[in-house]
Amino acid sequence: MTDLPEPPATFQAFIERHPELGQAWELIGRAGRNGPLDEETVRLIKLGVAIGAMREGAVHASVRKAAGLGIAPEAVEQVVAIAAGTIGLPGAVAAFSWVRELLPNGEG
């Protein structure tokens, strides 16, 4: 069982205003979870995709959810290091700053 954090207030307000989009988003998420990968692996992959797409909000959400799953901060930071070879050092440093804003003992 997971202990995922509540979404940010802005996300909740958007979904309240557009409930059909919220339902569609939930269906997309559910469909992506169908398969052999465990929940932690899926979460780390989603973090990597968010980093590669340079989506700060998605990185924040993935880090919050990773923490809720009990994924070690070192594993989250390793995803950033893995991404560096693809997105380049400046992008990796930006992603690292986004990750550290939410990790325990981060600089955020």
N, C-alpha and C. Protein backbone atom coordinates (compact mmCIF):
# COMPACT_ATOMS: atom_id res chain seq x y z
N MET A 1 0.85 -1.18 0.00
CA MET A 1 0.00 0.00 0.00
C MET A 1 0.89 1.24 0.00
N THR A 2 0.46 2.25 -0.71
CA THR A 2 1.25 3.46 -0.81
C THR A 2 0.67 4.56 0.06
N ASP A 3 1.50 5.49 0.41
CA ASP A 3 1.10 6.65 1.19
C ASP A 3 1.41 7.89 0.37
N LEU A 4 0.73 8.04 -0.79
CA LEU A 4 1.03 9.14 -1.69
C LEU A 4 0.48 10.44 -1.13
N PRO A 5 1.23 11.52 -1.35
CA PRO A 5 0.79 12.82 -0.84
C PRO A 5 -0.40 13.36 -1.63
N GLU A 6 -1.11 14.27 -1.02
CA GLU A 6 -2.21 14.95 -1.71
C GLU A 6 -1.63 15.81 -2.82
N PRO A 7 -2.34 15.90 -3.95
CA PRO A 7 -1.87 16.80 -5.01
C PRO A 7 -1.91 18.25 -4.53
N PRO A 8 -1.11 19.11 -5.16
CA PRO A 8 -1.12 20.53 -4.78
C PRO A 8 -2.52 21.15 -4.96
N ALA A 9 -2.78 22.20 -4.23
CA ALA A 9 -4.09 22.86 -4.25
C ALA A 9 -4.46 23.33 -5.66
N THR A 10 -3.51 23.82 -6.41
CA THR A 10 -3.80 24.29 -7.77
C THR A 10 -4.29 23.15 -8.65
N PHE A 11 -3.65 21.99 -8.54
CA PHE A 11 -4.10 20.82 -9.30
C PHE A 11 -5.52 20.45 -8.90
N GLN A 12 -5.80 20.41 -7.61
CA GLN A 12 -7.12 20.05 -7.14
C GLN A 12 -8.18 21.04 -7.63
N ALA A 13 -7.84 22.34 -7.61
CA ALA A 13 -8.78 23.35 -8.09
C ALA A 13 -9.06 23.19 -9.58
N PHE A 14 -8.03 22.86 -10.35
CA PHE A 14 -8.19 22.65 -11.79
C PHE A 14 -9.12 21.47 -12.05
N ILE A 15 -8.91 20.38 -11.32
CA ILE A 15 -9.72 19.18 -11.50
C ILE A 15 -11.17 19.44 -11.05
N GLU A 16 -11.35 20.23 -10.02
CA GLU A 16 -12.71 20.59 -9.60
C GLU A 16 -13.41 21.39 -10.69
N ARG A 17 -12.66 22.25 -11.36
CA ARG A 17 -13.23 23.08 -12.43
C ARG A 17 -13.47 22.26 -13.69
N HIS A 18 -12.62 21.23 -13.93
CA HIS A 18 -12.70 20.42 -15.14
C HIS A 18 -12.70 18.93 -14.76
N PRO A 19 -13.79 18.45 -14.18
CA PRO A 19 -13.81 17.08 -13.67
C PRO A 19 -13.60 16.01 -14.75
N GLU A 20 -14.05 16.24 -15.97
CA GLU A 20 -13.85 15.24 -17.02
C GLU A 20 -12.38 15.08 -17.35
N LEU A 21 -11.61 16.16 -17.30
CA LEU A 21 -10.17 16.05 -17.51
C LEU A 21 -9.53 15.25 -16.37
N GLY A 22 -10.02 15.45 -15.16
CA GLY A 22 -9.51 14.68 -14.03
C GLY A 22 -9.79 13.20 -14.19
N GLN A 23 -10.98 12.86 -14.67
CA GLN A 23 -11.33 11.46 -14.89
C GLN A 23 -10.46 10.86 -16.00
N ALA A 24 -10.25 11.62 -17.07
CA ALA A 24 -9.41 11.14 -18.17
C ALA A 24 -7.97 10.93 -17.70
N TRP A 25 -7.49 11.85 -16.88
CA TRP A 25 -6.12 11.75 -16.35
C TRP A 25 -5.97 10.48 -15.51
N GLU A 26 -6.98 10.20 -14.70
CA GLU A 26 -6.94 9.00 -13.86
C GLU A 26 -6.95 7.74 -14.72
N LEU A 27 -7.73 7.72 -15.78
CA LEU A 27 -7.77 6.57 -16.68
C LEU A 27 -6.43 6.35 -17.37
N ILE A 28 -5.79 7.43 -17.80
CA ILE A 28 -4.47 7.32 -18.42
C ILE A 28 -3.48 6.72 -17.42
N GLY A 29 -3.50 7.22 -16.22
CA GLY A 29 -2.60 6.71 -15.18
C GLY A 29 -2.83 5.24 -14.89
N ARG A 30 -4.09 4.86 -14.78
CA ARG A 30 -4.42 3.46 -14.52
C ARG A 30 -3.96 2.54 -15.65
N ALA A 31 -4.17 2.98 -16.88
CA ALA A 31 -3.77 2.16 -18.04
C ALA A 31 -2.25 1.97 -18.07
N GLY A 32 -1.51 2.99 -17.68
CA GLY A 32 -0.05 2.89 -17.68
C GLY A 32 0.49 1.97 -16.59
N ARG A 33 -0.30 1.71 -15.59
CA ARG A 33 0.14 0.83 -14.51
C ARG A 33 -0.09 -0.65 -14.81
N ASN A 34 -0.81 -0.93 -15.90
CA ASN A 34 -1.07 -2.32 -16.28
C ASN A 34 0.18 -2.91 -16.92
N GLY A 35 0.80 -3.84 -16.25
CA GLY A 35 1.99 -4.47 -16.80
C GLY A 35 2.86 -5.05 -15.70
N PRO A 36 4.01 -5.58 -16.07
CA PRO A 36 4.84 -6.31 -15.13
C PRO A 36 5.71 -5.44 -14.21
N LEU A 37 5.83 -4.14 -14.49
CA LEU A 37 6.72 -3.31 -13.68
C LEU A 37 6.10 -3.01 -12.32
N ASP A 38 6.93 -3.07 -11.28
CA ASP A 38 6.44 -2.73 -9.94
C ASP A 38 6.28 -1.22 -9.81
N GLU A 39 5.57 -0.82 -8.78
CA GLU A 39 5.21 0.58 -8.58
C GLU A 39 6.42 1.50 -8.44
N GLU A 40 7.46 1.05 -7.75
CA GLU A 40 8.66 1.88 -7.59
C GLU A 40 9.37 2.08 -8.92
N THR A 41 9.47 1.04 -9.71
CA THR A 41 10.12 1.16 -11.02
C THR A 41 9.33 2.11 -11.91
N VAL A 42 8.02 1.99 -11.91
CA VAL A 42 7.17 2.88 -12.70
C VAL A 42 7.39 4.33 -12.26
N ARG A 43 7.45 4.56 -10.96
CA ARG A 43 7.63 5.92 -10.45
C ARG A 43 8.97 6.49 -10.90
N LEU A 44 10.04 5.71 -10.84
CA LEU A 44 11.36 6.20 -11.25
C LEU A 44 11.41 6.44 -12.76
N ILE A 45 10.72 5.62 -13.55
CA ILE A 45 10.66 5.85 -14.99
C ILE A 45 9.91 7.15 -15.27
N LYS A 46 8.80 7.35 -14.58
CA LYS A 46 8.04 8.59 -14.78
C LYS A 46 8.88 9.81 -14.39
N LEU A 47 9.69 9.68 -13.35
CA LEU A 47 10.59 10.77 -12.98
C LEU A 47 11.57 11.03 -14.12
N GLY A 48 12.15 9.97 -14.68
CA GLY A 48 13.09 10.13 -15.78
C GLY A 48 12.46 10.80 -16.99
N VAL A 49 11.22 10.43 -17.30
CA VAL A 49 10.52 11.06 -18.42
C VAL A 49 10.29 12.54 -18.12
N ALA A 50 9.88 12.86 -16.90
CA ALA A 50 9.65 14.26 -16.53
C ALA A 50 10.93 15.06 -16.63
N ILE A 51 12.04 14.47 -16.21
CA ILE A 51 13.34 15.15 -16.31
C ILE A 51 13.69 15.37 -17.78
N GLY A 52 13.55 14.32 -18.60
CA GLY A 52 13.87 14.43 -20.01
C GLY A 52 13.04 15.47 -20.73
N ALA A 53 11.79 15.62 -20.31
CA ALA A 53 10.89 16.61 -20.91
C ALA A 53 11.08 18.00 -20.29
N MET A 54 11.92 18.07 -19.25
CA MET A 54 12.19 19.33 -18.55
C MET A 54 10.90 19.96 -18.02
N ARG A 55 10.08 19.12 -17.39
CA ARG A 55 8.81 19.56 -16.80
C ARG A 55 8.96 19.65 -15.29
N GLU A 56 9.25 20.84 -14.82
CA GLU A 56 9.52 21.05 -13.39
C GLU A 56 8.38 20.55 -12.51
N GLY A 57 7.15 20.88 -12.86
CA GLY A 57 6.02 20.45 -12.05
C GLY A 57 5.89 18.93 -11.99
N ALA A 58 6.14 18.27 -13.12
CA ALA A 58 6.07 16.81 -13.16
C ALA A 58 7.22 16.20 -12.36
N VAL A 59 8.39 16.84 -12.38
CA VAL A 59 9.51 16.37 -11.55
C VAL A 59 9.12 16.48 -10.09
N HIS A 60 8.57 17.62 -9.69
CA HIS A 60 8.14 17.81 -8.30
C HIS A 60 7.13 16.73 -7.90
N ALA A 61 6.13 16.50 -8.76
CA ALA A 61 5.11 15.50 -8.45
C ALA A 61 5.74 14.11 -8.31
N SER A 62 6.66 13.79 -9.21
CA SER A 62 7.30 12.47 -9.15
C SER A 62 8.13 12.30 -7.89
N VAL A 63 8.81 13.36 -7.47
CA VAL A 63 9.61 13.28 -6.24
C VAL A 63 8.70 13.12 -5.03
N ARG A 64 7.60 13.87 -4.99
CA ARG A 64 6.65 13.72 -3.87
C ARG A 64 6.11 12.30 -3.81
N LYS A 65 5.74 11.77 -4.98
CA LYS A 65 5.17 10.42 -5.01
C LYS A 65 6.23 9.37 -4.69
N ALA A 66 7.46 9.58 -5.13
CA ALA A 66 8.55 8.65 -4.80
C ALA A 66 8.76 8.61 -3.29
N ALA A 67 8.74 9.78 -2.66
CA ALA A 67 8.89 9.83 -1.20
C ALA A 67 7.74 9.10 -0.53
N GLY A 68 6.52 9.26 -1.05
CA GLY A 68 5.36 8.57 -0.50
C GLY A 68 5.46 7.06 -0.61
N LEU A 69 6.18 6.59 -1.62
CA LEU A 69 6.40 5.15 -1.80
C LEU A 69 7.58 4.64 -0.99
N GLY A 70 8.31 5.56 -0.35
CA GLY A 70 9.48 5.15 0.43
C GLY A 70 10.72 4.94 -0.41
N ILE A 71 10.74 5.47 -1.63
CA ILE A 71 11.93 5.35 -2.48
C ILE A 71 13.03 6.23 -1.90
N ALA A 72 14.22 5.67 -1.81
CA ALA A 72 15.35 6.38 -1.21
C ALA A 72 15.72 7.62 -2.02
N PRO A 73 16.02 8.73 -1.34
CA PRO A 73 16.46 9.93 -2.05
C PRO A 73 17.64 9.67 -2.99
N GLU A 74 18.51 8.75 -2.60
CA GLU A 74 19.67 8.44 -3.45
C GLU A 74 19.23 7.84 -4.79
N ALA A 75 18.16 7.07 -4.79
CA ALA A 75 17.64 6.50 -6.03
C ALA A 75 17.07 7.60 -6.92
N VAL A 76 16.38 8.53 -6.30
CA VAL A 76 15.82 9.66 -7.05
C VAL A 76 16.96 10.47 -7.68
N GLU A 77 17.99 10.75 -6.90
CA GLU A 77 19.13 11.51 -7.43
C GLU A 77 19.86 10.73 -8.52
N GLN A 78 19.88 9.40 -8.42
CA GLN A 78 20.54 8.60 -9.45
C GLN A 78 19.82 8.75 -10.79
N VAL A 79 18.50 8.90 -10.77
CA VAL A 79 17.76 9.10 -12.01
C VAL A 79 18.22 10.38 -12.69
N VAL A 80 18.46 11.42 -11.91
CA VAL A 80 18.98 12.68 -12.47
C VAL A 80 20.34 12.44 -13.10
N ALA A 81 21.20 11.72 -12.41
CA ALA A 81 22.54 11.44 -12.94
C ALA A 81 22.47 10.63 -14.22
N ILE A 82 21.57 9.65 -14.28
CA ILE A 82 21.39 8.85 -15.49
C ILE A 82 20.95 9.74 -16.65
N ALA A 83 20.06 10.68 -16.37
CA ALA A 83 19.53 11.56 -17.41
C ALA A 83 20.57 12.52 -17.98
N ALA A 84 21.62 12.78 -17.22
CA ALA A 84 22.61 13.78 -17.64
C ALA A 84 23.21 13.46 -19.01
N GLY A 85 23.45 12.20 -19.30
CA GLY A 85 24.04 11.83 -20.58
C GLY A 85 23.13 12.12 -21.75
N THR A 86 21.84 12.18 -21.51
CA THR A 86 20.87 12.43 -22.57
C THR A 86 20.49 13.91 -22.66
N ILE A 87 20.26 14.54 -21.51
CA ILE A 87 19.77 15.93 -21.53
C ILE A 87 20.89 16.95 -21.39
N GLY A 88 22.10 16.50 -21.08
CA GLY A 88 23.22 17.42 -20.91
C GLY A 88 23.36 17.90 -19.48
N LEU A 89 24.52 18.41 -19.18
CA LEU A 89 24.81 18.85 -17.81
C LEU A 89 23.93 20.01 -17.36
N PRO A 90 23.72 21.06 -18.18
CA PRO A 90 22.86 22.15 -17.70
C PRO A 90 21.45 21.68 -17.36
N GLY A 91 20.89 20.81 -18.19
CA GLY A 91 19.55 20.28 -17.90
C GLY A 91 19.54 19.42 -16.66
N ALA A 92 20.58 18.63 -16.47
CA ALA A 92 20.67 17.76 -15.30
C ALA A 92 20.80 18.60 -14.02
N VAL A 93 21.56 19.66 -14.09
CA VAL A 93 21.70 20.53 -12.91
C VAL A 93 20.37 21.20 -12.59
N ALA A 94 19.63 21.62 -13.61
CA ALA A 94 18.30 22.20 -13.38
C ALA A 94 17.39 21.17 -12.72
N ALA A 95 17.38 19.95 -13.26
CA ALA A 95 16.54 18.89 -12.69
C ALA A 95 16.97 18.56 -11.27
N PHE A 96 18.27 18.55 -11.03
CA PHE A 96 18.79 18.29 -9.69
C PHE A 96 18.28 19.33 -8.70
N SER A 97 18.22 20.59 -9.15
CA SER A 97 17.71 21.65 -8.26
C SER A 97 16.23 21.43 -7.97
N TRP A 98 15.46 20.97 -8.96
CA TRP A 98 14.04 20.72 -8.74
C TRP A 98 13.84 19.55 -7.77
N VAL A 99 14.65 18.53 -7.93
CA VAL A 99 14.58 17.35 -7.06
C VAL A 99 14.93 17.74 -5.63
N ARG A 100 16.00 18.48 -5.47
CA ARG A 100 16.48 18.83 -4.13
C ARG A 100 15.52 19.73 -3.38
N GLU A 101 14.67 20.46 -4.11
CA GLU A 101 13.68 21.29 -3.44
C GLU A 101 12.72 20.47 -2.57
N LEU A 102 12.56 19.20 -2.92
CA LEU A 102 11.59 18.36 -2.23
C LEU A 102 12.19 17.22 -1.42
N LEU A 103 13.46 16.94 -1.62
CA LEU A 103 14.09 15.86 -0.86
C LEU A 103 14.44 16.32 0.55
N PRO A 104 14.42 15.39 1.50
CA PRO A 104 14.86 15.74 2.84
C PRO A 104 16.33 16.21 2.77
N ASN A 105 16.64 17.22 3.51
CA ASN A 105 17.99 17.79 3.57
C ASN A 105 18.42 18.42 2.26
N GLY A 106 17.46 18.71 1.37
CA GLY A 106 17.78 19.40 0.13
C GLY A 106 18.00 20.87 0.42
N GLU A 107 18.37 21.59 -0.61
CA GLU A 107 18.65 23.01 -0.41
C GLU A 107 17.41 23.87 -0.66
N GLY A 108 16.28 23.24 -0.99
CA GLY A 108 15.07 23.98 -1.34
C GLY A 108 14.32 24.49 -0.21
